[in-house]
Amino acid sequence: MSPEASKEIIADLPAEIAVFPLTGVLLLPGGRLPLNIFEPRYLAMIDHAFRHGRLIGMVQPRVANPADNHGDDLTLDDDEEIARIAAAAAAAETGRDEPPALYDTGCVGKIVQFEETDDGRYIVVLEGLSRFRIEKELPLDPGGFRKVAVNWQEFGTDLAETGQEIDRDRLIPSLQQFFEIHGLSADWEAIAETPDDRLVTTLCMICPFEPGEKQALLEAPDLASRVDVMQALIDMAVHEGDDVAAVRH
């Protein structure tokens, strides 16, 4: 997509969006993020999104929330109890009964796949459109989810093709070591055929980086900078893995 086309799409984005705060979850422009939605307030958020352009902003809380679980192996009652515990812990830490603070930068996604399960869950896939800067948090929606006023101006070319190339001769060997350390498998032939920008986006989203590291990847200004950050994180993890192996031997 050309920079001009990217700017046109982003110019049409709304000034206010619903946000889904999840620790350690990264959505980037052009990436696809599957979500398992079952908590009542976030079911309401999805319903709201379908009435407002199918848009949802993904953003990380500044303090990790133990309720951020994607719905894995938890019932509705379990999740709501964890949410109450997390809210109480945040209030005790800050002295204020309010939601945990959010990072200033997130990424909005558009719902491109949707399924409702027999037990009332929503299975959705978001496609990343653009990053945003939060200007202020708005009053809580009656449905229980959070909403923010955002600014898109500095991210007008987020969907544009950059034409930048990555150093695969450096990245792939270290990536193979990184995957081995974490017990991950990959289709290396498919990786070799994947365009650079899509490869970087996918790796940043799926690799098991820490929440703060994922935020750094999100905030990297362009593809080249994002690759540099990702390469440094991978190299650091590989180096630490080598140190552990040396100690064991």
Protein backbone atom coordinates (compact mmCIF):
# COMPACT_ATOMS: atom_id res chain seq x y z
CA MET A 1 0.00 0.00 0.00
CA SER A 2 1.28 3.48 -0.85
CA PRO A 3 1.86 6.08 1.89
CA GLU A 4 -0.98 8.15 0.42
CA ALA A 5 -3.45 5.25 0.59
CA SER A 6 -2.34 4.48 4.14
CA LYS A 7 -2.92 8.08 5.18
CA GLU A 8 -6.42 8.04 3.65
CA ILE A 9 -7.43 4.94 5.61
CA ILE A 10 -6.03 6.25 8.87
CA ALA A 11 -7.61 9.69 8.32
CA ASP A 12 -11.03 8.01 8.44
CA LEU A 13 -10.41 6.41 11.85
CA PRO A 14 -12.51 7.76 14.74
CA ALA A 15 -11.30 10.06 17.50
CA GLU A 16 -12.63 7.71 20.20
CA ILE A 17 -12.29 3.92 20.43
CA ALA A 18 -12.95 1.07 22.83
CA VAL A 19 -9.78 -0.53 24.16
CA PHE A 20 -8.96 -4.05 25.30
CA PRO A 21 -6.13 -3.90 27.87
CA LEU A 22 -4.07 -7.10 27.77
CA THR A 23 -0.63 -7.60 29.27
CA GLY A 24 1.94 -9.19 26.96
CA VAL A 25 -0.30 -9.12 23.88
CA LEU A 26 0.97 -7.27 20.82
CA LEU A 27 -0.92 -6.21 17.71
CA LEU A 28 0.96 -4.46 14.92
CA PRO A 29 -0.32 -2.83 11.72
CA GLY A 30 -0.82 -5.58 9.15
CA GLY A 31 -0.73 -8.34 11.76
CA ARG A 32 -3.57 -10.67 12.73
CA LEU A 33 -4.47 -11.40 16.35
CA PRO A 34 -6.92 -14.15 17.43
CA LEU A 35 -8.84 -13.51 20.65
CA ASN A 36 -11.10 -15.69 22.79
CA ILE A 37 -13.66 -13.35 24.37
CA PHE A 38 -15.90 -14.49 27.19
CA GLU A 39 -15.91 -11.94 30.01
CA PRO A 40 -19.25 -10.01 29.92
CA ARG A 41 -17.69 -6.54 29.61
CA TYR A 42 -15.59 -7.64 26.64
CA LEU A 43 -18.52 -9.40 24.99
CA ALA A 44 -20.22 -6.01 25.27
CA MET A 45 -17.10 -4.42 23.77
CA ILE A 46 -17.33 -6.68 20.71
CA ASP A 47 -21.02 -5.85 20.30
CA HIS A 48 -20.10 -2.16 20.52
CA ALA A 49 -17.36 -2.63 17.91
CA PHE A 50 -19.83 -4.04 15.39
CA ARG A 51 -21.83 -0.83 15.75
CA HIS A 52 -18.71 1.35 15.37
CA GLY A 53 -16.69 0.18 12.39
CA ARG A 54 -15.63 -3.16 13.92
CA LEU A 55 -12.69 -1.41 15.59
CA ILE A 56 -10.98 -2.34 18.88
CA GLY A 57 -7.82 -0.80 20.30
CA MET A 58 -5.27 -3.18 21.81
CA VAL A 59 -3.12 -1.65 24.54
CA GLN A 60 -1.08 -2.93 27.46
CA PRO A 61 -1.61 -1.92 31.09
CA ARG A 62 1.50 -0.39 32.61
CA VAL A 63 1.20 -2.85 35.51
CA ALA A 64 0.69 -6.52 34.62
CA ASN A 65 -2.85 -7.75 35.31
CA PRO A 66 -3.27 -11.40 36.38
CA ALA A 67 -6.72 -11.38 34.77
CA ASP A 68 -5.13 -11.11 31.32
CA ASN A 69 -5.45 -14.72 30.28
CA HIS A 70 -7.15 -14.79 26.85
CA GLY A 71 -9.77 -16.95 28.51
CA ASP A 72 -7.48 -19.97 28.63
CA ASP A 73 -8.90 -22.76 30.81
CA LEU A 74 -10.98 -20.40 32.92
CA THR A 75 -14.71 -20.16 33.42
CA LEU A 76 -16.65 -16.91 33.46
CA ASP A 77 -16.86 -17.05 37.26
CA ASP A 78 -13.11 -17.67 37.51
CA ASP A 79 -12.31 -14.71 35.28
CA GLU A 80 -14.61 -12.31 37.09
CA GLU A 81 -13.12 -13.32 40.46
CA ILE A 82 -9.58 -12.78 39.14
CA ALA A 83 -10.64 -9.39 37.78
CA ARG A 84 -11.97 -8.38 41.20
CA ILE A 85 -8.74 -9.48 42.88
CA ALA A 86 -6.65 -7.58 40.31
CA ALA A 87 -8.72 -4.42 40.73
CA ALA A 88 -8.41 -4.63 44.52
CA ALA A 89 -4.65 -5.10 44.25
CA ALA A 90 -4.34 -2.10 41.94
CA ALA A 91 -6.43 0.04 44.30
CA ALA A 92 -4.31 -1.02 47.27
CA GLU A 93 -1.11 -0.16 45.39
CA THR A 94 -2.22 3.25 44.12
CA GLY A 95 -4.60 4.25 46.89
CA ARG A 96 -7.22 4.96 44.22
CA ASP A 97 -10.15 2.85 43.12
CA GLU A 98 -9.62 3.15 39.38
CA PRO A 99 -8.50 0.95 36.46
CA PRO A 100 -4.76 0.34 36.00
CA ALA A 101 -2.97 2.96 33.91
CA LEU A 102 -2.39 2.16 30.25
CA TYR A 103 0.62 2.67 28.04
CA ASP A 104 0.24 5.74 25.84
CA THR A 105 0.68 3.82 22.58
CA GLY A 106 -1.51 0.99 21.28
CA CYS A 107 -2.72 -0.40 17.96
CA VAL A 108 -6.26 -0.49 16.62
CA GLY A 109 -7.51 -3.60 14.89
CA LYS A 110 -10.53 -4.33 12.73
CA ILE A 111 -12.59 -7.47 13.31
CA VAL A 112 -12.09 -9.56 10.16
CA GLN A 113 -13.31 -12.91 11.51
CA PHE A 114 -16.05 -13.64 14.04
CA GLU A 115 -17.60 -16.77 15.51
CA GLU A 116 -20.00 -17.21 18.42
CA THR A 117 -19.63 -20.53 20.25
CA ASP A 118 -22.37 -22.64 21.79
CA ASP A 119 -21.28 -21.58 25.29
CA GLY A 120 -21.57 -17.86 24.49
CA ARG A 121 -17.94 -17.00 23.78
CA TYR A 122 -16.82 -14.85 20.85
CA ILE A 123 -13.85 -16.01 18.79
CA VAL A 124 -12.55 -13.05 16.79
CA VAL A 125 -9.55 -12.16 14.69
CA LEU A 126 -8.30 -8.57 14.57
CA GLU A 127 -6.27 -7.19 11.69
CA GLY A 128 -3.99 -4.35 12.76
CA LEU A 129 -4.60 -1.02 11.03
CA SER A 130 -2.68 1.72 12.80
CA ARG A 131 -1.00 2.61 16.04
CA PHE A 132 -2.49 5.38 18.14
CA ARG A 133 -1.51 7.71 20.94
CA ILE A 134 -3.92 7.94 23.86
CA GLU A 135 -4.84 11.55 24.62
CA LYS A 136 -7.16 10.84 27.54
CA GLU A 137 -9.31 8.12 29.02
CA LEU A 138 -13.06 8.56 28.70
CA PRO A 139 -15.76 7.54 31.19
CA LEU A 140 -16.29 3.80 31.43
CA ASP A 141 -18.84 2.56 28.91
CA PRO A 142 -22.14 1.32 30.42
CA GLY A 143 -21.11 -2.12 29.16
CA GLY A 144 -18.13 -2.06 31.53
CA PHE A 145 -15.27 -1.68 29.03
CA ARG A 146 -12.81 1.19 28.72
CA LYS A 147 -12.79 3.88 26.02
CA VAL A 148 -10.15 6.44 25.09
CA ALA A 149 -9.69 9.52 22.94
CA VAL A 150 -6.82 8.95 20.53
CA ASN A 151 -4.55 10.73 18.08
CA TRP A 152 -3.47 9.02 14.85
CA GLN A 153 -1.41 11.81 13.27
CA GLU A 154 2.12 10.53 13.84
CA PHE A 155 1.26 7.06 12.50
CA GLY A 156 -0.22 8.02 9.13
CA THR A 157 1.98 5.65 7.12
CA ASP A 158 1.63 2.59 9.36
CA LEU A 159 0.04 0.55 6.55
CA ALA A 160 2.43 1.73 3.83
CA GLU A 161 4.95 -0.63 2.26
CA THR A 162 8.40 0.60 3.24
CA GLY A 163 10.60 -1.24 0.77
CA GLN A 164 13.10 -1.72 3.59
CA GLU A 165 15.00 -5.01 3.64
CA ILE A 166 16.16 -6.98 6.66
CA ASP A 167 19.45 -8.80 7.18
CA ARG A 168 18.19 -12.37 7.06
CA ASP A 169 21.72 -13.79 7.14
CA ARG A 170 21.99 -12.39 10.65
CA LEU A 171 18.39 -12.79 11.80
CA ILE A 172 17.59 -16.38 10.81
CA PRO A 173 20.50 -18.18 12.55
CA SER A 174 19.88 -16.36 15.81
CA LEU A 175 16.13 -16.89 15.42
CA GLN A 176 16.70 -20.64 15.05
CA GLN A 177 18.67 -20.66 18.30
CA PHE A 178 15.99 -18.57 20.00
CA PHE A 179 13.25 -20.99 18.93
CA GLU A 180 15.32 -23.95 20.13
CA ILE A 181 15.83 -22.35 23.56
CA HIS A 182 12.09 -21.79 23.92
CA GLY A 183 11.07 -25.17 22.51
CA LEU A 184 9.36 -23.61 19.49
CA SER A 185 9.05 -25.10 16.02
CA ALA A 186 8.85 -23.27 12.72
CA ASP A 187 8.42 -23.89 9.00
CA TRP A 188 11.73 -22.44 7.89
CA GLU A 189 10.92 -22.87 4.19
CA ALA A 190 7.78 -20.79 4.64
CA ILE A 191 9.76 -18.21 6.60
CA ALA A 192 12.24 -17.96 3.74
CA GLU A 193 9.39 -17.15 1.34
CA THR A 194 7.61 -14.65 3.61
CA PRO A 195 8.07 -10.95 2.69
CA ASP A 196 10.26 -9.01 5.09
CA ASP A 197 7.60 -6.72 6.54
CA ARG A 198 5.14 -9.55 7.16
CA LEU A 199 7.86 -11.73 8.69
CA VAL A 200 8.95 -9.03 11.13
CA THR A 201 5.37 -8.25 12.13
CA THR A 202 4.55 -11.93 12.73
CA LEU A 203 7.73 -12.63 14.69
CA CYS A 204 7.27 -9.59 16.92
CA MET A 205 3.73 -10.71 17.73
CA ILE A 206 4.33 -14.43 18.36
CA CYS A 207 7.77 -14.53 19.99
CA PRO A 208 7.69 -14.89 23.80
CA PHE A 209 9.08 -11.46 24.66
CA GLU A 210 8.37 -9.70 27.95
CA PRO A 211 5.54 -7.11 28.05
CA GLY A 212 7.96 -4.16 28.19
CA GLU A 213 9.90 -5.60 25.27
CA LYS A 214 6.71 -5.96 23.23
CA GLN A 215 5.88 -2.34 23.99
CA ALA A 216 9.32 -1.32 22.69
CA LEU A 217 8.62 -3.24 19.47
CA LEU A 218 5.26 -1.49 19.10
CA GLU A 219 6.79 1.94 19.61
CA ALA A 220 9.69 1.42 17.17
CA PRO A 221 9.16 4.11 14.51
CA ASP A 222 9.67 1.99 11.40
CA LEU A 223 10.51 -1.49 10.12
CA ALA A 224 14.27 -1.02 10.32
CA SER A 225 14.08 0.16 13.93
CA ARG A 226 11.71 -2.67 14.84
CA VAL A 227 14.10 -5.22 13.35
CA ASP A 228 16.97 -3.73 15.34
CA VAL A 229 14.98 -4.00 18.58
CA MET A 230 13.87 -7.56 17.81
CA GLN A 231 17.37 -8.64 16.83
CA ALA A 232 18.78 -7.23 20.07
CA LEU A 233 16.12 -9.05 22.13
CA ILE A 234 16.78 -12.34 20.33
CA ASP A 235 20.55 -12.00 20.65
CA MET A 236 20.23 -11.24 24.35
CA ALA A 237 18.03 -14.28 24.93
CA VAL A 238 20.39 -16.52 22.98
CA HIS A 239 23.38 -15.20 24.91
CA GLU A 240 21.60 -15.85 28.22
CA GLY A 241 20.71 -19.34 27.02
CA ASP A 242 24.35 -20.02 26.17
CA ASP A 243 25.40 -18.85 29.64
CA VAL A 244 22.90 -21.20 31.30
CA ALA A 245 24.09 -24.11 29.16
CA ALA A 246 27.72 -23.35 30.05
CA VAL A 247 26.94 -23.33 33.78
CA ARG A 248 25.13 -26.68 33.53
CA HIS A 249 28.15 -28.23 31.89
